Amino acid sequence: MRLLITGREGQLARCLAEIGAADRSLTVQTLARPELDLGRIETIRPAIRSAAPDVILNAAAYTAVDQAEDEPEIAFRVNAEAAGELAAAAREAGAPIIHISTDYVFDGRGEGPYPETAATNPLGVYGRSKLAGEREVAAANPDHLIVRTAWVYSPFGRNFVKTMLNLARERDRLSVVDDQWGNPSSALDLAEGLLSILRRWRDRPGHGFGEIYHLAGSGSTSWCRFAAAILDCSSRLGGPTAEVQPIATRDWPTKAPRPANSRLDCSKFAGDFGYVAPEWTLSTAETVRRLVAGVG
């Protein structure tokens, strides 16, 4: 099976390439700019025709949440228009598309973990552009599967775990919001889960087509408690550490509002594809170990 992954330098794409390399039944190809530039819609169809994939996994996105408030046209071009064009190109190639979306499609005012059927109500441009992308993909290719995730981190790229470790090298105390809750999600775990879709398709082709799924780390926490766990792991490994001070969202204003509750109910994915991500504390410890050891 020829799997084409967009967003070659992104943390999810890099984890998919790492995990996928161990599967001899897969040929993994990653594409990014300039060959495939989601900011330049005209590059999409030629790139897909040239790659001739069996499956496309769209892991590329405009993810600068605050910057999106000042660049809505760019955010919607990449996250919505280009996603739809990619899905249409996949259909022309006879390939299904797995499209990655986000917890930011919800407003965070719900009480418990969000099921896929929960009403969407994004608070900012980024969330609105990603929700528009879900709709564009669904309209362009019936052979699609949308996977929402949250709070993604890994040994690669820019993410919360790396930020906390870097800040702990410079400061003795860090202030982190303690009233926003979600599921920290290792991109390595997400890669395993996404590849479980392909394994299921070998026995049941098209299983889940047209559906939305949630896939995230098991268990939930706040950003502050996540930071404390990261730095506790780092300290035990001889890495950087700092005291973590809880603060309220109102004490850390950002241009784009964040959902207070980003917890996702992933039971539908577990039932359909037989994969449950590990407890977030275990996966966080493994990522911290790699980062402290300098293993990217």
C-alpha atoms as a PDB file:
ATOM      1  CA  MET A   1       0.000   0.000   0.000  1.00  0.00           C
ATOM      2  CA  ARG A   2       1.351   3.418  -0.984  1.00  0.00           C
ATOM      3  CA  LEU A   3       0.636   5.936   1.794  1.00  0.00           C
ATOM      4  CA  LEU A   4       1.150   9.611   1.001  1.00  0.00           C
ATOM      5  CA  ILE A   5       1.466  11.938   4.013  1.00  0.00           C
ATOM      6  CA  THR A   6       1.289  15.706   3.676  1.00  0.00           C
ATOM      7  CA  GLY A   7       3.229  18.067   5.910  1.00  0.00           C
ATOM      8  CA  ARG A   8       6.590  16.315   5.776  1.00  0.00           C
ATOM      9  CA  GLU A   9       8.277  18.440   8.477  1.00  0.00           C
ATOM     10  CA  GLY A  10       5.360  18.396  10.908  1.00  0.00           C
ATOM     11  CA  GLN A  11       5.533  16.324  14.074  1.00  0.00           C
ATOM     12  CA  LEU A  12       2.683  13.987  13.126  1.00  0.00           C
ATOM     13  CA  ALA A  13       4.085  13.357   9.643  1.00  0.00           C
ATOM     14  CA  ARG A  14       7.524  12.608  11.093  1.00  0.00           C
ATOM     15  CA  CYS A  15       6.059  10.189  13.635  1.00  0.00           C
ATOM     16  CA  LEU A  16       4.000   8.480  10.932  1.00  0.00           C
ATOM     17  CA  ALA A  17       7.126   8.058   8.827  1.00  0.00           C
ATOM     18  CA  GLU A  18       9.011   6.628  11.833  1.00  0.00           C
ATOM     19  CA  ILE A  19       6.300   4.167  12.829  1.00  0.00           C
ATOM     20  CA  GLY A  20       5.310   3.323   9.257  1.00  0.00           C
ATOM     21  CA  ALA A  21       8.868   2.367   8.332  1.00  0.00           C
ATOM     22  CA  ALA A  22       8.481  -0.793  10.420  1.00  0.00           C
ATOM     23  CA  ASP A  23       5.501  -1.991   8.348  1.00  0.00           C
ATOM     24  CA  ARG A  24       6.786  -3.825   5.299  1.00  0.00           C
ATOM     25  CA  SER A  25       3.368  -3.756   3.685  1.00  0.00           C
ATOM     26  CA  LEU A  26       3.531   0.045   3.528  1.00  0.00           C
ATOM     27  CA  THR A  27       5.435   2.358   1.233  1.00  0.00           C
ATOM     28  CA  VAL A  28       5.428   5.723   2.982  1.00  0.00           C
ATOM     29  CA  GLN A  29       5.968   8.936   1.059  1.00  0.00           C
ATOM     30  CA  THR A  30       5.898  12.388   2.640  1.00  0.00           C
ATOM     31  CA  LEU A  31       5.380  15.590   0.695  1.00  0.00           C
ATOM     32  CA  ALA A  32       5.698  19.255   1.581  1.00  0.00           C
ATOM     33  CA  ARG A  33       6.686  22.531  -0.008  1.00  0.00           C
ATOM     34  CA  PRO A  34       7.614  23.211  -2.730  1.00  0.00           C
ATOM     35  CA  GLU A  35       6.263  20.007  -4.361  1.00  0.00           C
ATOM     36  CA  LEU A  36       3.019  20.198  -2.414  1.00  0.00           C
ATOM     37  CA  ASP A  37       2.239  23.633  -1.017  1.00  0.00           C
ATOM     38  CA  LEU A  38      -1.194  23.959   0.551  1.00  0.00           C
ATOM     39  CA  GLY A  39      -0.799  27.707   0.370  1.00  0.00           C
ATOM     40  CA  ARG A  40      -0.572  27.377  -3.417  1.00  0.00           C
ATOM     41  CA  ILE A  41      -3.628  25.398  -4.433  1.00  0.00           C
ATOM     42  CA  GLU A  42      -2.347  24.865  -7.980  1.00  0.00           C
ATOM     43  CA  THR A  43       0.434  22.544  -6.725  1.00  0.00           C
ATOM     44  CA  ILE A  44      -1.945  19.990  -5.216  1.00  0.00           C
ATOM     45  CA  ARG A  45      -3.356  18.029  -8.152  1.00  0.00           C
ATOM     46  CA  PRO A  46      -0.031  17.669 -10.036  1.00  0.00           C
ATOM     47  CA  ALA A  47       1.661  16.429  -6.848  1.00  0.00           C
ATOM     48  CA  ILE A  48      -1.052  13.849  -6.224  1.00  0.00           C
ATOM     49  CA  ARG A  49      -1.046  12.645  -9.832  1.00  0.00           C
ATOM     50  CA  SER A  50       2.729  12.218  -9.688  1.00  0.00           C
ATOM     51  CA  ALA A  51       2.685  10.333  -6.372  1.00  0.00           C
ATOM     52  CA  ALA A  52      -0.195   8.001  -7.374  1.00  0.00           C
ATOM     53  CA  PRO A  53      -0.980   7.020  -3.762  1.00  0.00           C
ATOM     54  CA  ASP A  54      -3.354   4.344  -2.532  1.00  0.00           C
ATOM     55  CA  VAL A  55      -4.207   6.424   0.551  1.00  0.00           C
ATOM     56  CA  ILE A  56      -3.629  10.077   1.449  1.00  0.00           C
ATOM     57  CA  LEU A  57      -3.234  11.211   5.042  1.00  0.00           C
ATOM     58  CA  ASN A  58      -3.470  14.976   5.378  1.00  0.00           C
ATOM     59  CA  ALA A  59      -1.340  15.919   8.383  1.00  0.00           C
ATOM     60  CA  ALA A  60      -0.512  19.414   7.077  1.00  0.00           C
ATOM     61  CA  ALA A  61      -2.260  22.476   8.471  1.00  0.00           C
ATOM     62  CA  TYR A  62      -1.948  26.114   9.421  1.00  0.00           C
ATOM     63  CA  THR A  63      -1.660  25.775  13.203  1.00  0.00           C
ATOM     64  CA  ALA A  64      -0.588  29.245  14.405  1.00  0.00           C
ATOM     65  CA  VAL A  65      -3.662  29.749  16.567  1.00  0.00           C
ATOM     66  CA  ASP A  66      -3.064  33.369  17.568  1.00  0.00           C
ATOM     67  CA  GLN A  67      -1.548  34.438  14.258  1.00  0.00           C
ATOM     68  CA  ALA A  68      -4.623  33.097  12.465  1.00  0.00           C
ATOM     69  CA  GLU A  69      -6.636  35.938  14.004  1.00  0.00           C
ATOM     70  CA  ASP A  70      -4.571  38.332  11.874  1.00  0.00           C
ATOM     71  CA  GLU A  71      -4.335  36.031   8.841  1.00  0.00           C
ATOM     72  CA  PRO A  72      -7.790  34.523   8.359  1.00  0.00           C
ATOM     73  CA  GLU A  73      -7.436  34.327   4.580  1.00  0.00           C
ATOM     74  CA  ILE A  74      -4.263  32.246   4.840  1.00  0.00           C
ATOM     75  CA  ALA A  75      -5.732  30.007   7.561  1.00  0.00           C
ATOM     76  CA  PHE A  76      -8.853  29.289   5.507  1.00  0.00           C
ATOM     77  CA  ARG A  77      -6.840  28.774   2.307  1.00  0.00           C
ATOM     78  CA  VAL A  78      -4.650  26.103   3.915  1.00  0.00           C
ATOM     79  CA  ASN A  79      -7.070  24.498   6.364  1.00  0.00           C
ATOM     80  CA  ALA A  80     -10.241  24.612   4.280  1.00  0.00           C
ATOM     81  CA  GLU A  81      -9.773  25.344   0.569  1.00  0.00           C
ATOM     82  CA  ALA A  82      -6.575  23.294   0.195  1.00  0.00           C
ATOM     83  CA  ALA A  83      -7.987  20.435   2.290  1.00  0.00           C
ATOM     84  CA  GLY A  84     -10.972  20.240  -0.043  1.00  0.00           C
ATOM     85  CA  GLU A  85      -8.739  20.367  -3.112  1.00  0.00           C
ATOM     86  CA  LEU A  86      -6.582  17.601  -1.677  1.00  0.00           C
ATOM     87  CA  ALA A  87      -9.665  15.464  -1.057  1.00  0.00           C
ATOM     88  CA  ALA A  88     -10.847  16.085  -4.633  1.00  0.00           C
ATOM     89  CA  ALA A  89      -7.410  15.140  -5.991  1.00  0.00           C
ATOM     90  CA  ALA A  90      -7.515  11.976  -3.875  1.00  0.00           C
ATOM     91  CA  ARG A  91     -10.892  11.085  -5.374  1.00  0.00           C
ATOM     92  CA  GLU A  92      -9.519  11.566  -8.893  1.00  0.00           C
ATOM     93  CA  ALA A  93      -6.649   9.235  -7.977  1.00  0.00           C
ATOM     94  CA  GLY A  94      -9.083   6.643  -6.616  1.00  0.00           C
ATOM     95  CA  ALA A  95      -7.639   7.076  -3.116  1.00  0.00           C
ATOM     96  CA  PRO A  96      -9.406   7.586   0.211  1.00  0.00           C
ATOM     97  CA  ILE A  97      -8.261  10.469   2.409  1.00  0.00           C
ATOM     98  CA  ILE A  98      -7.725  10.559   6.167  1.00  0.00           C
ATOM     99  CA  HIS A  99      -7.943  14.177   7.284  1.00  0.00           C
ATOM    100  CA  ILE A 100      -6.636  15.389  10.650  1.00  0.00           C
ATOM    101  CA  SER A 101      -8.742  17.937  12.521  1.00  0.00           C
ATOM    102  CA  THR A 102      -8.801  19.433  15.988  1.00  0.00           C
ATOM    103  CA  ASP A 103     -10.503  19.859  19.361  1.00  0.00           C
ATOM    104  CA  TYR A 104     -10.723  23.586  18.551  1.00  0.00           C
ATOM    105  CA  VAL A 105     -13.924  22.937  16.594  1.00  0.00           C
ATOM    106  CA  PHE A 106     -15.618  22.927  20.040  1.00  0.00           C
ATOM    107  CA  ASP A 107     -16.155  25.948  22.276  1.00  0.00           C
ATOM    108  CA  GLY A 108     -15.034  24.127  25.423  1.00  0.00           C
ATOM    109  CA  ARG A 109     -18.182  24.905  27.402  1.00  0.00           C
ATOM    110  CA  GLY A 110     -19.301  21.264  27.609  1.00  0.00           C
ATOM    111  CA  GLU A 111     -18.973  19.378  30.869  1.00  0.00           C
ATOM    112  CA  GLY A 112     -17.472  16.017  29.872  1.00  0.00           C
ATOM    113  CA  PRO A 113     -15.405  14.533  27.044  1.00  0.00           C
ATOM    114  CA  TYR A 114     -16.839  15.514  23.666  1.00  0.00           C
ATOM    115  CA  PRO A 115     -18.293  12.746  21.479  1.00  0.00           C
ATOM    116  CA  GLU A 116     -18.158  13.120  17.721  1.00  0.00           C
ATOM    117  CA  THR A 117     -21.852  14.026  17.686  1.00  0.00           C
ATOM    118  CA  ALA A 118     -21.427  17.071  19.952  1.00  0.00           C
ATOM    119  CA  ALA A 119     -22.367  20.438  18.473  1.00  0.00           C
ATOM    120  CA  THR A 120     -19.415  22.363  17.069  1.00  0.00           C
ATOM    121  CA  ASN A 121     -18.886  26.036  17.859  1.00  0.00           C
ATOM    122  CA  PRO A 122     -15.285  27.144  17.315  1.00  0.00           C
ATOM    123  CA  LEU A 123     -14.151  30.228  19.215  1.00  0.00           C
ATOM    124  CA  GLY A 124     -11.500  31.546  16.840  1.00  0.00           C
ATOM    125  CA  VAL A 125     -10.288  31.680  13.255  1.00  0.00           C
ATOM    126  CA  TYR A 126      -8.141  28.554  13.572  1.00  0.00           C
ATOM    127  CA  GLY A 127     -11.037  26.429  14.813  1.00  0.00           C
ATOM    128  CA  ARG A 128     -13.419  27.869  12.221  1.00  0.00           C
ATOM    129  CA  SER A 129     -10.943  27.174   9.418  1.00  0.00           C
ATOM    130  CA  LYS A 130     -10.462  23.573  10.570  1.00  0.00           C
ATOM    131  CA  LEU A 131     -14.208  22.999  10.819  1.00  0.00           C
ATOM    132  CA  ALA A 132     -14.586  24.417   7.311  1.00  0.00           C
ATOM    133  CA  GLY A 133     -11.872  21.984   6.219  1.00  0.00           C
ATOM    134  CA  GLU A 134     -13.822  19.041   7.605  1.00  0.00           C
ATOM    135  CA  ARG A 135     -16.805  20.104   5.525  1.00  0.00           C
ATOM    136  CA  GLU A 136     -14.750  20.697   2.382  1.00  0.00           C
ATOM    137  CA  VAL A 137     -13.169  17.240   2.649  1.00  0.00           C
ATOM    138  CA  ALA A 138     -16.530  15.554   3.211  1.00  0.00           C
ATOM    139  CA  ALA A 139     -18.052  17.336   0.214  1.00  0.00           C
ATOM    140  CA  ALA A 140     -15.134  16.590  -2.132  1.00  0.00           C
ATOM    141  CA  ASN A 141     -14.555  12.890  -1.476  1.00  0.00           C
ATOM    142  CA  PRO A 142     -17.067  10.362  -0.077  1.00  0.00           C
ATOM    143  CA  ASP A 143     -14.143   8.035   0.710  1.00  0.00           C
ATOM    144  CA  HIS A 144     -12.932  10.174   3.587  1.00  0.00           C
ATOM    145  CA  LEU A 145     -12.313   9.701   7.282  1.00  0.00           C
ATOM    146  CA  ILE A 146     -11.875  12.696   9.599  1.00  0.00           C
ATOM    147  CA  VAL A 147      -9.877  12.301  12.806  1.00  0.00           C
ATOM    148  CA  ARG A 148      -9.895  15.016  15.459  1.00  0.00           C
ATOM    149  CA  THR A 149      -7.122  15.146  18.022  1.00  0.00           C
ATOM    150  CA  ALA A 150      -5.810  17.514  20.706  1.00  0.00           C
ATOM    151  CA  TRP A 151      -2.760  18.794  22.575  1.00  0.00           C
ATOM    152  CA  VAL A 152      -0.266  17.070  20.264  1.00  0.00           C
ATOM    153  CA  TYR A 153       3.386  16.720  21.294  1.00  0.00           C
ATOM    154  CA  SER A 154       6.366  14.628  20.175  1.00  0.00           C
ATOM    155  CA  PRO A 155      10.174  14.612  20.055  1.00  0.00           C
ATOM    156  CA  PHE A 156       9.890  16.663  16.843  1.00  0.00           C
ATOM    157  CA  GLY A 157       8.879  20.167  15.854  1.00  0.00           C
ATOM    158  CA  ARG A 158       7.425  22.805  18.156  1.00  0.00           C
ATOM    159  CA  ASN A 159       5.123  21.684  20.947  1.00  0.00           C
ATOM    160  CA  PHE A 160       4.274  22.164  24.614  1.00  0.00           C
ATOM    161  CA  VAL A 161       6.649  19.529  25.969  1.00  0.00           C
ATOM    162  CA  LYS A 162       9.654  21.028  24.185  1.00  0.00           C
ATOM    163  CA  THR A 163       8.594  24.542  25.194  1.00  0.00           C
ATOM    164  CA  MET A 164       8.418  23.620  28.883  1.00  0.00           C
ATOM    165  CA  LEU A 165      11.845  21.969  28.787  1.00  0.00           C
ATOM    166  CA  ASN A 166      13.369  24.936  26.986  1.00  0.00           C
ATOM    167  CA  LEU A 167      11.837  27.441  29.419  1.00  0.00           C
ATOM    168  CA  ALA A 168      13.026  25.379  32.395  1.00  0.00           C
ATOM    169  CA  ARG A 169      16.582  25.847  31.147  1.00  0.00           C
ATOM    170  CA  GLU A 170      16.131  29.611  31.483  1.00  0.00           C
ATOM    171  CA  ARG A 171      13.825  30.095  34.486  1.00  0.00           C
ATOM    172  CA  ASP A 172      13.310  28.734  37.984  1.00  0.00           C
ATOM    173  CA  ARG A 173       9.535  29.266  37.965  1.00  0.00           C
ATOM    174  CA  LEU A 174       6.949  28.888  35.193  1.00  0.00           C
ATOM    175  CA  SER A 175       3.349  30.144  35.266  1.00  0.00           C
ATOM    176  CA  VAL A 176       0.925  27.843  33.433  1.00  0.00           C
ATOM    177  CA  VAL A 177      -2.879  27.963  33.142  1.00  0.00           C
ATOM    178  CA  ASP A 178      -4.683  25.449  35.326  1.00  0.00           C
ATOM    179  CA  ASP A 179      -8.282  25.912  34.139  1.00  0.00           C
ATOM    180  CA  GLN A 180      -8.017  24.506  30.618  1.00  0.00           C
ATOM    181  CA  TRP A 181      -8.369  20.724  30.407  1.00  0.00           C
ATOM    182  CA  GLY A 182      -7.645  18.248  27.644  1.00  0.00           C
ATOM    183  CA  ASN A 183      -5.973  15.005  26.540  1.00  0.00           C
ATOM    184  CA  PRO A 184      -2.221  15.321  25.949  1.00  0.00           C
ATOM    185  CA  SER A 185      -1.612  13.294  22.781  1.00  0.00           C
ATOM    186  CA  SER A 186       1.726  11.856  21.723  1.00  0.00           C
ATOM    187  CA  ALA A 187       2.119  12.078  17.954  1.00  0.00           C
ATOM    188  CA  LEU A 188       3.830   8.681  18.116  1.00  0.00           C
ATOM    189  CA  ASP A 189       0.657   7.228  19.656  1.00  0.00           C
ATOM    190  CA  LEU A 190      -1.482   9.044  17.101  1.00  0.00           C
ATOM    191  CA  ALA A 191       0.641   7.514  14.343  1.00  0.00           C
ATOM    192  CA  GLU A 192       0.014   4.038  15.743  1.00  0.00           C
ATOM    193  CA  GLY A 193      -3.698   4.729  15.884  1.00  0.00           C
ATOM    194  CA  LEU A 194      -3.873   6.139  12.366  1.00  0.00           C
ATOM    195  CA  LEU A 195      -1.969   3.169  10.966  1.00  0.00           C
ATOM    196  CA  SER A 196      -4.486   0.885  12.691  1.00  0.00           C
ATOM    197  CA  ILE A 197      -7.034   2.316  10.247  1.00  0.00           C
ATOM    198  CA  LEU A 198      -4.980   1.008   7.327  1.00  0.00           C
ATOM    199  CA  ARG A 199      -4.644  -2.388   8.977  1.00  0.00           C
ATOM    200  CA  ARG A 200      -8.425  -2.580   9.426  1.00  0.00           C
ATOM    201  CA  TRP A 201      -8.938  -1.628   5.790  1.00  0.00           C
ATOM    202  CA  ARG A 202      -7.019  -4.729   4.700  1.00  0.00           C
ATOM    203  CA  ASP A 203      -9.807  -6.880   6.134  1.00  0.00           C
ATOM    204  CA  ARG A 204     -12.675  -4.430   5.798  1.00  0.00           C
ATOM    205  CA  PRO A 205     -12.013  -2.013   2.918  1.00  0.00           C
ATOM    206  CA  GLY A 206     -13.741   1.299   3.393  1.00  0.00           C
ATOM    207  CA  HIS A 207     -14.554   0.742   7.058  1.00  0.00           C
ATOM    208  CA  GLY A 208     -15.412   4.118   8.590  1.00  0.00           C
ATOM    209  CA  PHE A 209     -15.721   6.011   5.306  1.00  0.00           C
ATOM    210  CA  GLY A 210     -17.725   9.188   5.777  1.00  0.00           C
ATOM    211  CA  GLU A 211     -17.244   9.179   9.565  1.00  0.00           C
ATOM    212  CA  ILE A 212     -15.663  11.544  12.082  1.00  0.00           C
ATOM    213  CA  TYR A 213     -13.556  10.044  14.878  1.00  0.00           C
ATOM    214  CA  HIS A 214     -11.767  11.332  17.956  1.00  0.00           C
ATOM    215  CA  LEU A 215      -8.275  10.040  18.722  1.00  0.00           C
ATOM    216  CA  ALA A 216      -6.243  11.390  21.634  1.00  0.00           C
ATOM    217  CA  GLY A 217      -4.188  10.310  24.610  1.00  0.00           C
ATOM    218  CA  SER A 218      -5.942   8.396  27.386  1.00  0.00           C
ATOM    219  CA  GLY A 219      -6.744  10.402  30.493  1.00  0.00           C
ATOM    220  CA  SER A 220      -6.999  14.146  30.897  1.00  0.00           C
ATOM    221  CA  THR A 221      -5.254  16.934  32.754  1.00  0.00           C
ATOM    222  CA  SER A 222      -4.759  20.692  32.790  1.00  0.00           C
ATOM    223  CA  TRP A 223      -1.918  22.522  31.069  1.00  0.00           C
ATOM    224  CA  CYS A 224      -0.406  23.289  34.480  1.00  0.00           C
ATOM    225  CA  ARG A 225      -0.468  19.681  35.624  1.00  0.00           C
ATOM    226  CA  PHE A 226       0.826  18.568  32.242  1.00  0.00           C
ATOM    227  CA  ALA A 227       3.763  20.958  32.663  1.00  0.00           C
ATOM    228  CA  ALA A 228       4.446  19.670  36.174  1.00  0.00           C
ATOM    229  CA  ALA A 229       4.496  16.065  34.920  1.00  0.00           C
ATOM    230  CA  ILE A 230       6.899  16.986  32.108  1.00  0.00           C
ATOM    231  CA  LEU A 231       9.338  18.694  34.438  1.00  0.00           C
ATOM    232  CA  ASP A 232       9.074  15.969  37.078  1.00  0.00           C
ATOM    233  CA  CYS A 233      10.065  13.397  34.436  1.00  0.00           C
ATOM    234  CA  SER A 234      12.879  15.635  33.265  1.00  0.00           C
ATOM    235  CA  SER A 235      14.183  16.131  36.813  1.00  0.00           C
ATOM    236  CA  ARG A 236      14.314  12.391  37.439  1.00  0.00           C
ATOM    237  CA  LEU A 237      16.313  11.975  34.235  1.00  0.00           C
ATOM    238  CA  GLY A 238      18.783  14.724  35.101  1.00  0.00           C
ATOM    239  CA  GLY A 239      17.214  17.200  32.686  1.00  0.00           C
ATOM    240  CA  PRO A 240      16.012  20.779  33.234  1.00  0.00           C
ATOM    241  CA  THR A 241      13.336  21.457  35.833  1.00  0.00           C
ATOM    242  CA  ALA A 242      11.460  24.386  37.368  1.00  0.00           C
ATOM    243  CA  GLU A 243       8.651  25.132  39.786  1.00  0.00           C
ATOM    244  CA  VAL A 244       5.258  25.297  38.071  1.00  0.00           C
ATOM    245  CA  GLN A 245       2.825  27.930  39.343  1.00  0.00           C
ATOM    246  CA  PRO A 246      -0.889  27.556  38.473  1.00  0.00           C
ATOM    247  CA  ILE A 247      -2.663  30.599  37.055  1.00  0.00           C
ATOM    248  CA  ALA A 248      -6.087  31.275  35.539  1.00  0.00           C
ATOM    249  CA  THR A 249      -6.732  31.816  31.844  1.00  0.00           C
ATOM    250  CA  ARG A 250      -7.650  35.431  32.576  1.00  0.00           C
ATOM    251  CA  ASP A 251      -4.100  35.943  33.866  1.00  0.00           C
ATOM    252  CA  TRP A 252      -2.593  34.763  30.569  1.00  0.00           C
ATOM    253  CA  PRO A 253      -4.499  36.613  27.824  1.00  0.00           C
ATOM    254  CA  THR A 254      -4.051  35.443  24.243  1.00  0.00           C
ATOM    255  CA  LYS A 255      -5.285  36.901  20.978  1.00  0.00           C
ATOM    256  CA  ALA A 256      -7.322  33.790  20.185  1.00  0.00           C
ATOM    257  CA  PRO A 257      -9.589  32.340  22.902  1.00  0.00           C
ATOM    258  CA  ARG A 258      -8.919  28.738  23.940  1.00  0.00           C
ATOM    259  CA  PRO A 259     -11.574  26.157  24.837  1.00  0.00           C
ATOM    260  CA  ALA A 260     -11.633  25.486  28.581  1.00  0.00           C
ATOM    261  CA  ASN A 261     -12.571  21.851  27.964  1.00  0.00           C
ATOM    262  CA  SER A 262     -10.809  20.068  25.100  1.00  0.00           C
ATOM    263  CA  ARG A 263     -11.385  16.534  26.354  1.00  0.00           C
ATOM    264  CA  LEU A 264     -12.342  14.101  23.588  1.00  0.00           C
ATOM    265  CA  ASP A 265     -14.309  10.867  23.886  1.00  0.00           C
ATOM    266  CA  CYS A 266     -12.329   8.332  21.839  1.00  0.00           C
ATOM    267  CA  SER A 267     -14.512   5.258  22.442  1.00  0.00           C
ATOM    268  CA  LYS A 268     -15.879   5.227  18.890  1.00  0.00           C
ATOM    269  CA  PHE A 269     -12.374   4.939  17.428  1.00  0.00           C
ATOM    270  CA  ALA A 270     -11.497   2.178  19.892  1.00  0.00           C
ATOM    271  CA  GLY A 271     -14.616   0.240  18.935  1.00  0.00           C
ATOM    272  CA  ASP A 272     -14.137   0.570  15.179  1.00  0.00           C
ATOM    273  CA  PHE A 273     -10.358   0.210  14.917  1.00  0.00           C
ATOM    274  CA  GLY A 274      -9.318  -1.583  18.092  1.00  0.00           C
ATOM    275  CA  TYR A 275      -6.824   1.046  19.224  1.00  0.00           C
ATOM    276  CA  VAL A 276      -6.657   2.908  22.531  1.00  0.00           C
ATOM    277  CA  ALA A 277      -3.778   5.322  23.112  1.00  0.00           C
ATOM    278  CA  PRO A 278      -1.671   4.759  26.229  1.00  0.00           C
ATOM    279  CA  GLU A 279      -2.202   6.806  29.375  1.00  0.00           C
ATOM    280  CA  TRP A 280      -0.841  10.273  28.678  1.00  0.00           C
ATOM    281  CA  THR A 281       1.594  10.161  31.606  1.00  0.00           C
ATOM    282  CA  LEU A 282       3.380   7.130  30.133  1.00  0.00           C
ATOM    283  CA  SER A 283       3.712   8.622  26.680  1.00  0.00           C
ATOM    284  CA  THR A 284       4.825  11.969  28.086  1.00  0.00           C
ATOM    285  CA  ALA A 285       7.590  10.238  30.044  1.00  0.00           C
ATOM    286  CA  GLU A 286       8.821   8.508  26.882  1.00  0.00           C
ATOM    287  CA  THR A 287       8.925  11.747  24.907  1.00  0.00           C
ATOM    288  CA  VAL A 288      10.738  13.542  27.726  1.00  0.00           C
ATOM    289  CA  ARG A 289      13.231  10.682  27.906  1.00  0.00           C
ATOM    290  CA  ARG A 290      13.997  11.032  24.210  1.00  0.00           C
ATOM    291  CA  LEU A 291      14.341  14.801  24.438  1.00  0.00           C
ATOM    292  CA  VAL A 292      16.579  14.765  27.520  1.00  0.00           C
ATOM    293  CA  ALA A 293      18.726  12.084  25.867  1.00  0.00           C
ATOM    294  CA  GLY A 294      18.876  14.144  22.688  1.00  0.00           C
ATOM    295  CA  VAL A 295      17.142  11.468  20.619  1.00  0.00           C
ATOM    296  CA  GLY A 296      14.961  13.152  17.985  1.00  0.00           C
END
